[in-house]
Amino acid sequence: MRTLTDDVTAVRERVLSRGGDRTRWAAMLGRNRRSASVLILISGSWDADPLHPGGLPADAEVLLTERAPTLRQHSGQVAFPGGGVDPGDDFPVGTALREADEETGLSAHGVDVLATLPSFPVPVSGFDVVPVLAHWSTPGPVRAVDPGETARVARVSLRELLAPQNRFQVRRSVLGGQVYKGPAFFVDGLLVWGFTGGLLAAISDASGWAVPWNTDDVRPLDEMIELAGSPQQTGAAAVLPAHLRDQHDGTQS
């Protein structure tokens, strides 16, 4: 992951570019945003595999969560662990690790923080989100701490996630006009899109892990949500990390 950590600004540029100029202009607007962070936790061998693009090891995995389908709002969304800063947090790392512990039972032991990426303004929620990139050198058990809020905690193979057959773009249209289009992944029953999908796509590009895939494969978001079998909100707020959307709506994460 040295290629990635040597130029963390490359990830931000790729995420902001995924929505075109409108995304860039939106990122410049707004003031007094609340701070938040998410944990991008990658496990697997530290040694590069010279036979794979970017040296991505065969055992590399990323930690993702899926919200419970019974939640009143934002059910079924896939996200990195994370949320808004609390008083006393050592932000952003402390916030990301605290949230990961509360959501997945993750122990900070064996988690080596590599870098904090530049923040991403999220205008519709008023948050500035700082992704914390970490390597899980000593993986431990994780679980859905509260099944009423988290349906699943998954360690997803990055090679499988980035396989061309599991990559496409999703599009949402309203009254014939496109309101969203962005990178998505479908693996192990999980539909990953929005902010999380954009970050994963940007990280894979910046690190050189990406394998060529069909970027012209654009699928209706509603159809892919139905295929995933987990009802999800598809409005503007749904492109945010799940826990930030909760706080934006005034619900508890």
Protein backbone atom coordinates (compact mmCIF):
# COMPACT_ATOMS: atom_id res chain seq x y z
CA MET A 1 0.00 0.00 0.00
CA ARG A 2 3.01 2.28 -0.18
CA THR A 3 1.91 3.66 -3.55
CA LEU A 4 -1.33 4.73 -1.95
CA THR A 5 0.11 6.21 1.25
CA ASP A 6 2.80 8.11 -0.66
CA ASP A 7 0.12 10.21 -2.40
CA VAL A 8 -3.09 10.24 -0.39
CA THR A 9 -4.41 13.28 -2.28
CA ALA A 10 -4.84 11.10 -5.37
CA VAL A 11 -7.72 9.29 -3.66
CA ARG A 12 -9.55 12.53 -2.91
CA GLU A 13 -9.22 13.71 -6.50
CA ARG A 14 -10.64 10.45 -7.84
CA VAL A 15 -13.60 10.45 -5.44
CA LEU A 16 -14.49 14.05 -6.25
CA SER A 17 -14.20 13.30 -9.96
CA ARG A 18 -16.63 10.39 -9.90
CA GLY A 19 -19.64 12.71 -10.11
CA GLY A 20 -18.15 15.13 -12.62
CA ASP A 21 -17.99 18.89 -12.24
CA ARG A 22 -21.19 19.01 -10.19
CA THR A 23 -19.52 16.99 -7.43
CA ARG A 24 -16.47 19.26 -7.45
CA TRP A 25 -18.56 22.41 -7.21
CA ALA A 26 -20.65 20.93 -4.40
CA ALA A 27 -17.48 20.14 -2.47
CA MET A 28 -16.56 23.81 -2.50
CA LEU A 29 -19.82 24.94 -0.92
CA GLY A 30 -20.85 25.14 2.70
CA ARG A 31 -19.17 26.08 5.92
CA ASN A 32 -19.12 24.94 9.56
CA ARG A 33 -19.36 21.26 8.74
CA ARG A 34 -19.20 18.68 11.52
CA SER A 35 -16.16 16.41 11.59
CA ALA A 36 -16.50 12.66 11.04
CA SER A 37 -14.26 9.76 10.11
CA VAL A 38 -14.49 6.26 8.68
CA LEU A 39 -12.08 3.34 9.09
CA ILE A 40 -10.77 1.70 5.93
CA LEU A 41 -9.28 -1.42 7.47
CA ILE A 42 -7.32 -3.75 5.18
CA SER A 43 -5.89 -7.07 6.31
CA GLY A 44 -3.57 -9.54 4.63
CA SER A 45 0.10 -9.94 3.86
CA TRP A 46 2.19 -6.78 3.89
CA ASP A 47 4.42 -8.16 1.16
CA ALA A 48 3.46 -7.32 -2.41
CA ASP A 49 2.53 -10.04 -4.90
CA PRO A 50 4.55 -9.26 -8.04
CA LEU A 51 2.14 -11.29 -10.18
CA HIS A 52 -0.91 -9.11 -9.43
CA PRO A 53 -1.58 -5.48 -10.42
CA GLY A 54 -0.29 -3.13 -7.75
CA GLY A 55 1.11 -6.11 -5.85
CA LEU A 56 -2.25 -6.77 -4.15
CA PRO A 57 -1.77 -9.89 -1.97
CA ALA A 58 -4.10 -12.84 -2.48
CA ASP A 59 -5.29 -12.69 1.14
CA ALA A 60 -6.05 -8.94 1.23
CA GLU A 61 -9.47 -8.14 2.73
CA VAL A 62 -11.41 -5.01 3.68
CA LEU A 63 -13.83 -4.67 6.61
CA LEU A 64 -17.38 -3.63 5.67
CA THR A 65 -20.68 -3.42 7.51
CA GLU A 66 -24.27 -3.83 6.32
CA ARG A 67 -27.09 -2.15 8.18
CA ALA A 68 -30.04 -4.19 9.41
CA PRO A 69 -32.94 -4.55 6.94
CA THR A 70 -35.44 -3.82 9.72
CA LEU A 71 -34.25 -0.28 10.35
CA ARG A 72 -36.80 2.41 9.59
CA GLN A 73 -34.34 4.39 7.50
CA HIS A 74 -31.28 3.57 5.38
CA SER A 75 -31.70 -0.17 5.77
CA GLY A 76 -29.33 -2.48 3.98
CA GLN A 77 -26.63 0.04 3.15
CA VAL A 78 -23.01 -1.13 3.04
CA ALA A 79 -20.41 1.16 4.64
CA PHE A 80 -17.08 1.41 6.35
CA PRO A 81 -17.29 1.61 10.14
CA GLY A 82 -17.40 5.24 11.18
CA GLY A 83 -19.36 8.26 12.31
CA GLY A 84 -19.27 11.74 13.80
CA VAL A 85 -16.72 12.93 16.32
CA ASP A 86 -17.66 12.70 20.01
CA PRO A 87 -16.28 14.88 22.81
CA GLY A 88 -12.98 13.46 24.01
CA ASP A 89 -12.18 11.65 20.76
CA ASP A 90 -8.64 11.79 19.44
CA PHE A 91 -9.93 12.79 16.01
CA PRO A 92 -9.84 11.38 13.40
CA VAL A 93 -8.15 8.11 14.38
CA GLY A 94 -9.81 7.85 17.78
CA THR A 95 -13.24 8.49 16.29
CA ALA A 96 -12.80 5.83 13.61
CA LEU A 97 -11.55 3.21 16.08
CA ARG A 98 -14.26 3.98 18.64
CA GLU A 99 -17.00 3.66 16.04
CA ALA A 100 -15.50 0.42 14.71
CA ASP A 101 -15.46 -1.00 18.23
CA GLU A 102 -19.08 0.02 18.85
CA GLU A 103 -20.28 -1.41 15.54
CA THR A 104 -18.12 -4.49 15.01
CA GLY A 105 -16.38 -5.23 18.30
CA LEU A 106 -13.03 -4.49 16.66
CA SER A 107 -10.07 -4.40 19.01
CA ALA A 108 -7.53 -1.68 18.27
CA HIS A 109 -4.78 -4.19 19.10
CA GLY A 110 -3.16 -5.21 15.85
CA VAL A 111 -4.54 -2.22 13.92
CA ASP A 112 -1.71 -0.15 12.46
CA VAL A 113 -2.83 3.25 11.20
CA LEU A 114 -1.05 4.07 7.92
CA ALA A 115 -2.49 7.43 6.89
CA THR A 116 -5.39 9.80 7.21
CA LEU A 117 -6.70 10.82 3.82
CA PRO A 118 -7.76 14.41 3.06
CA SER A 119 -11.29 15.13 4.20
CA PHE A 120 -14.28 14.86 1.89
CA PRO A 121 -16.90 17.60 2.24
CA VAL A 122 -20.37 16.07 2.11
CA PRO A 123 -22.62 19.06 1.43
CA VAL A 124 -26.02 17.39 1.88
CA SER A 125 -25.15 16.34 5.44
CA GLY A 126 -22.84 19.11 6.59
CA PHE A 127 -20.03 16.67 7.37
CA ASP A 128 -16.34 16.66 6.57
CA VAL A 129 -15.40 12.97 6.45
CA VAL A 130 -11.80 11.92 7.07
CA PRO A 131 -11.02 8.35 5.93
CA VAL A 132 -8.49 6.62 8.19
CA LEU A 133 -6.49 4.01 6.29
CA ALA A 134 -5.16 1.16 8.44
CA HIS A 135 -3.60 -2.27 8.13
CA TRP A 136 -4.95 -5.10 10.29
CA SER A 137 -1.69 -6.83 11.09
CA THR A 138 -3.26 -9.08 13.73
CA PRO A 139 -6.89 -9.74 12.75
CA GLY A 140 -9.27 -10.58 15.56
CA PRO A 141 -12.95 -11.50 15.78
CA VAL A 142 -15.59 -9.06 14.59
CA ARG A 143 -19.36 -9.29 14.69
CA ALA A 144 -22.54 -7.27 14.45
CA VAL A 145 -22.57 -5.87 17.98
CA ASP A 146 -26.22 -4.79 17.79
CA PRO A 147 -28.17 -6.93 15.27
CA GLY A 148 -30.98 -4.40 15.45
CA GLU A 149 -28.72 -1.90 13.70
CA THR A 150 -26.10 -3.97 11.90
CA ALA A 151 -27.15 -7.01 9.90
CA ARG A 152 -23.70 -8.12 8.94
CA VAL A 153 -20.00 -7.46 9.40
CA ALA A 154 -17.92 -8.85 6.56
CA ARG A 155 -14.25 -9.23 5.69
CA VAL A 156 -14.41 -9.02 1.92
CA SER A 157 -11.66 -10.24 -0.38
CA LEU A 158 -10.26 -7.26 -2.27
CA ARG A 159 -9.28 -9.38 -5.26
CA GLU A 160 -12.84 -10.69 -5.50
CA LEU A 161 -14.29 -7.21 -4.99
CA LEU A 162 -12.10 -5.80 -7.78
CA ALA A 163 -12.68 -8.67 -10.21
CA PRO A 164 -14.05 -7.26 -13.49
CA GLN A 165 -17.20 -9.39 -13.31
CA ASN A 166 -18.08 -7.80 -9.96
CA ARG A 167 -17.64 -4.18 -11.08
CA PHE A 168 -20.03 -1.81 -12.87
CA GLN A 169 -21.63 1.58 -12.41
CA VAL A 170 -25.07 2.31 -10.99
CA ARG A 171 -27.40 5.04 -12.17
CA ARG A 172 -30.47 6.56 -10.59
CA SER A 173 -32.88 8.64 -12.63
CA VAL A 174 -35.89 10.70 -11.57
CA LEU A 175 -38.49 11.82 -14.12
CA GLY A 176 -36.11 10.91 -16.91
CA GLY A 177 -33.19 12.90 -15.51
CA GLN A 178 -30.06 11.29 -14.09
CA VAL A 179 -29.50 12.27 -10.46
CA TYR A 180 -26.68 9.88 -9.62
CA LYS A 181 -24.10 7.71 -11.35
CA GLY A 182 -21.08 6.15 -9.72
CA PRO A 183 -18.91 3.06 -9.30
CA ALA A 184 -20.36 -0.02 -7.65
CA PHE A 185 -19.39 -3.55 -6.66
CA PHE A 186 -21.44 -6.68 -6.07
CA VAL A 187 -19.72 -9.43 -4.11
CA ASP A 188 -20.84 -12.04 -1.60
CA GLY A 189 -24.36 -10.68 -1.69
CA LEU A 190 -23.26 -7.12 -0.87
CA LEU A 191 -24.02 -4.16 -3.13
CA VAL A 192 -21.38 -1.50 -2.48
CA TRP A 193 -21.99 1.92 -4.02
CA GLY A 194 -22.21 5.61 -3.14
CA PHE A 195 -19.54 7.11 -0.89
CA THR A 196 -18.15 3.70 0.06
CA GLY A 197 -18.04 2.49 -3.53
CA GLY A 198 -16.38 5.70 -4.62
CA LEU A 199 -13.69 5.42 -1.98
CA LEU A 200 -12.96 1.79 -2.81
CA ALA A 201 -12.73 2.58 -6.52
CA ALA A 202 -10.44 5.55 -5.86
CA ILE A 203 -8.18 3.54 -3.57
CA SER A 204 -7.89 0.70 -6.07
CA ASP A 205 -7.02 3.16 -8.85
CA ALA A 206 -4.50 5.13 -6.80
CA SER A 207 -2.78 1.99 -5.53
CA GLY A 208 -2.64 0.29 -8.92
CA TRP A 209 -4.76 -2.64 -7.73
CA ALA A 210 -7.52 -2.14 -10.29
CA VAL A 211 -7.97 -4.69 -13.08
CA PRO A 212 -9.49 -3.37 -16.34
CA TRP A 213 -13.29 -3.59 -16.23
CA ASN A 214 -16.22 -2.49 -18.38
CA THR A 215 -16.91 1.11 -17.36
CA ASP A 216 -19.73 1.23 -19.92
CA ASP A 217 -21.68 -1.32 -17.88
CA VAL A 218 -24.19 1.04 -16.22
CA ARG A 219 -27.06 -0.56 -14.34
CA PRO A 220 -30.19 0.92 -12.74
CA LEU A 221 -29.58 1.33 -9.03
CA ASP A 222 -33.06 0.14 -8.07
CA GLU A 223 -32.58 -3.12 -9.98
CA MET A 224 -29.27 -3.83 -8.26
CA ILE A 225 -30.77 -3.11 -4.85
CA GLU A 226 -33.54 -5.61 -5.63
CA LEU A 227 -30.93 -8.17 -6.66
CA ALA A 228 -29.07 -7.65 -3.38
CA GLY A 229 -32.28 -8.43 -1.53
CA SER A 230 -31.83 -5.69 1.05
CA PRO A 231 -34.17 -2.67 0.87
CA GLN A 232 -32.17 0.54 0.66
CA GLN A 233 -32.92 4.21 0.42
CA THR A 234 -31.98 5.61 -2.98
CA GLY A 235 -32.43 9.33 -2.32
CA ALA A 236 -29.63 11.90 -2.30
CA ALA A 237 -28.68 11.18 1.30
CA ALA A 238 -28.10 7.53 0.50
CA VAL A 239 -24.76 8.25 -1.13
CA LEU A 240 -23.33 9.09 2.30
CA PRO A 241 -21.81 6.67 4.80
CA ALA A 242 -24.69 5.00 6.60
CA HIS A 243 -23.88 6.33 10.07
CA LEU A 244 -23.49 9.91 8.86
CA ARG A 245 -26.89 9.70 7.17
CA ASP A 246 -28.41 8.68 10.52
CA GLN A 247 -26.92 11.68 12.27
CA HIS A 248 -28.01 13.98 9.45
CA ASP A 249 -31.57 12.74 9.87
CA GLY A 250 -31.42 13.05 13.64
CA THR A 251 -31.62 9.31 14.26
CA GLN A 252 -29.16 7.49 16.48
CA SER A 253 -26.34 5.55 14.88
